[in-house]
Amino acid sequence: MPDDSFLTAKQVMTRYGGIAEMTLWRWVNHYDNGFPKPIYVNRRRLWSLSAIEAWERLQAKQRGGSSQLSAGSRLDLVPAGA
């Protein structure tokens, strides 16, 4: 079984350039962008690092970019038609 690390909401927000809490909430709840859903442990939201990385690779592939994202790189996630 693979060892998986988890990121807190603060770490996820920092990973994408310091996005706001509301932006993260929208990615999880409203946009059909496939952003991974968190798990809840004692009311804390945690995201699987492997799921986040898989989502990043998919986003890069869909945009025709590299599958490698540098640490701290920011993805522009504007929903289609916005």
C-alpha atoms as a PDB file:
ATOM      1  CA  MET A   1       0.000   0.000   0.000  1.00  0.00           C
ATOM      2  CA  PRO A   2       1.527   3.346  -1.000  1.00  0.00           C
ATOM      3  CA  ASP A   3       2.364   5.860   1.684  1.00  0.00           C
ATOM      4  CA  ASP A   4       0.321   9.018   1.170  1.00  0.00           C
ATOM      5  CA  SER A   5       0.864  12.428   2.678  1.00  0.00           C
ATOM      6  CA  PHE A   6      -1.908  14.880   3.370  1.00  0.00           C
ATOM      7  CA  LEU A   7      -2.115  18.646   3.041  1.00  0.00           C
ATOM      8  CA  THR A   8      -4.154  20.969   5.229  1.00  0.00           C
ATOM      9  CA  ALA A   9      -6.386  23.641   3.699  1.00  0.00           C
ATOM     10  CA  LYS A  10      -3.732  26.258   4.495  1.00  0.00           C
ATOM     11  CA  GLN A  11      -1.067  24.212   2.695  1.00  0.00           C
ATOM     12  CA  VAL A  12      -3.329  23.753  -0.344  1.00  0.00           C
ATOM     13  CA  MET A  13      -4.077  27.489  -0.483  1.00  0.00           C
ATOM     14  CA  THR A  14      -0.359  28.289  -0.235  1.00  0.00           C
ATOM     15  CA  ARG A  15       0.453  25.733  -2.939  1.00  0.00           C
ATOM     16  CA  TYR A  16      -1.698  27.713  -5.395  1.00  0.00           C
ATOM     17  CA  GLY A  17      -0.221  31.112  -4.716  1.00  0.00           C
ATOM     18  CA  GLY A  18      -2.085  32.020  -1.560  1.00  0.00           C
ATOM     19  CA  ILE A  19      -5.620  31.650  -2.884  1.00  0.00           C
ATOM     20  CA  ALA A  20      -8.466  32.678  -0.590  1.00  0.00           C
ATOM     21  CA  GLU A  21     -10.471  30.267   1.518  1.00  0.00           C
ATOM     22  CA  MET A  22     -13.526  31.077  -0.622  1.00  0.00           C
ATOM     23  CA  THR A  23     -11.647  30.184  -3.821  1.00  0.00           C
ATOM     24  CA  LEU A  24     -10.701  26.802  -2.394  1.00  0.00           C
ATOM     25  CA  TRP A  25     -14.299  26.264  -1.295  1.00  0.00           C
ATOM     26  CA  ARG A  26     -15.531  27.084  -4.819  1.00  0.00           C
ATOM     27  CA  TRP A  27     -13.042  24.690  -6.434  1.00  0.00           C
ATOM     28  CA  VAL A  28     -14.257  21.896  -4.164  1.00  0.00           C
ATOM     29  CA  ASN A  29     -17.989  22.657  -4.272  1.00  0.00           C
ATOM     30  CA  HIS A  30     -18.951  24.442  -7.463  1.00  0.00           C
ATOM     31  CA  TYR A  31     -16.617  24.181 -10.406  1.00  0.00           C
ATOM     32  CA  ASP A  32     -16.614  21.072 -12.533  1.00  0.00           C
ATOM     33  CA  ASN A  33     -12.827  21.034 -12.642  1.00  0.00           C
ATOM     34  CA  GLY A  34     -12.288  17.709 -10.888  1.00  0.00           C
ATOM     35  CA  PHE A  35     -10.510  19.258  -7.915  1.00  0.00           C
ATOM     36  CA  PRO A  36     -10.056  16.540  -5.276  1.00  0.00           C
ATOM     37  CA  LYS A  37     -12.474  16.437  -2.371  1.00  0.00           C
ATOM     38  CA  PRO A  38     -10.969  16.592   1.102  1.00  0.00           C
ATOM     39  CA  ILE A  39     -11.383  14.044   3.833  1.00  0.00           C
ATOM     40  CA  TYR A  40     -12.444  15.260   7.245  1.00  0.00           C
ATOM     41  CA  VAL A  41     -10.580  14.351  10.423  1.00  0.00           C
ATOM     42  CA  ASN A  42     -11.850  16.035  13.588  1.00  0.00           C
ATOM     43  CA  ARG A  43     -13.433  18.813  11.508  1.00  0.00           C
ATOM     44  CA  ARG A  44     -10.142  19.471   9.677  1.00  0.00           C
ATOM     45  CA  ARG A  45     -10.061  19.191   5.910  1.00  0.00           C
ATOM     46  CA  LEU A  46      -7.163  17.191   4.530  1.00  0.00           C
ATOM     47  CA  TRP A  47      -6.281  16.582   0.897  1.00  0.00           C
ATOM     48  CA  SER A  48      -4.328  13.626  -0.365  1.00  0.00           C
ATOM     49  CA  LEU A  49      -1.062  14.868  -1.847  1.00  0.00           C
ATOM     50  CA  SER A  50      -1.147  12.162  -4.514  1.00  0.00           C
ATOM     51  CA  ALA A  51      -4.690  13.225  -5.535  1.00  0.00           C
ATOM     52  CA  ILE A  52      -3.596  16.887  -5.725  1.00  0.00           C
ATOM     53  CA  GLU A  53      -0.570  15.962  -7.854  1.00  0.00           C
ATOM     54  CA  ALA A  54      -2.698  13.795 -10.162  1.00  0.00           C
ATOM     55  CA  TRP A  55      -5.141  16.707 -10.590  1.00  0.00           C
ATOM     56  CA  GLU A  56      -2.238  19.057 -11.379  1.00  0.00           C
ATOM     57  CA  ARG A  57      -0.947  16.663 -14.059  1.00  0.00           C
ATOM     58  CA  LEU A  58      -4.416  16.474 -15.588  1.00  0.00           C
ATOM     59  CA  GLN A  59      -4.739  20.273 -15.614  1.00  0.00           C
ATOM     60  CA  ALA A  60      -1.330  20.646 -17.277  1.00  0.00           C
ATOM     61  CA  LYS A  61      -2.201  17.996 -19.863  1.00  0.00           C
ATOM     62  CA  GLN A  62      -5.546  19.641 -20.681  1.00  0.00           C
ATOM     63  CA  ARG A  63      -3.784  22.958 -21.219  1.00  0.00           C
ATOM     64  CA  GLY A  64      -1.119  21.391 -23.417  1.00  0.00           C
ATOM     65  CA  GLY A  65       1.595  22.209 -20.924  1.00  0.00           C
ATOM     66  CA  SER A  66       4.187  20.195 -19.127  1.00  0.00           C
ATOM     67  CA  SER A  67       3.070  17.547 -16.686  1.00  0.00           C
ATOM     68  CA  GLN A  68       5.683  18.875 -14.276  1.00  0.00           C
ATOM     69  CA  LEU A  69       4.656  21.866 -12.185  1.00  0.00           C
ATOM     70  CA  SER A  70       7.269  23.722 -10.231  1.00  0.00           C
ATOM     71  CA  ALA A  71       6.781  24.156  -6.526  1.00  0.00           C
ATOM     72  CA  GLY A  72       4.639  27.181  -5.892  1.00  0.00           C
ATOM     73  CA  SER A  73       3.387  27.392  -9.455  1.00  0.00           C
ATOM     74  CA  ARG A  74      -0.119  28.765  -9.743  1.00  0.00           C
ATOM     75  CA  LEU A  75      -2.820  27.337 -11.945  1.00  0.00           C
ATOM     76  CA  ASP A  76      -5.412  29.644 -13.433  1.00  0.00           C
ATOM     77  CA  LEU A  77      -8.690  27.885 -12.867  1.00  0.00           C
ATOM     78  CA  VAL A  78     -11.386  29.963 -14.421  1.00  0.00           C
ATOM     79  CA  PRO A  79     -14.449  27.887 -15.208  1.00  0.00           C
ATOM     80  CA  ALA A  80     -15.433  27.625 -18.840  1.00  0.00           C
ATOM     81  CA  GLY A  81     -17.863  30.323 -19.855  1.00  0.00           C
ATOM     82  CA  ALA A  82     -16.889  32.672 -17.032  1.00  0.00           C
END
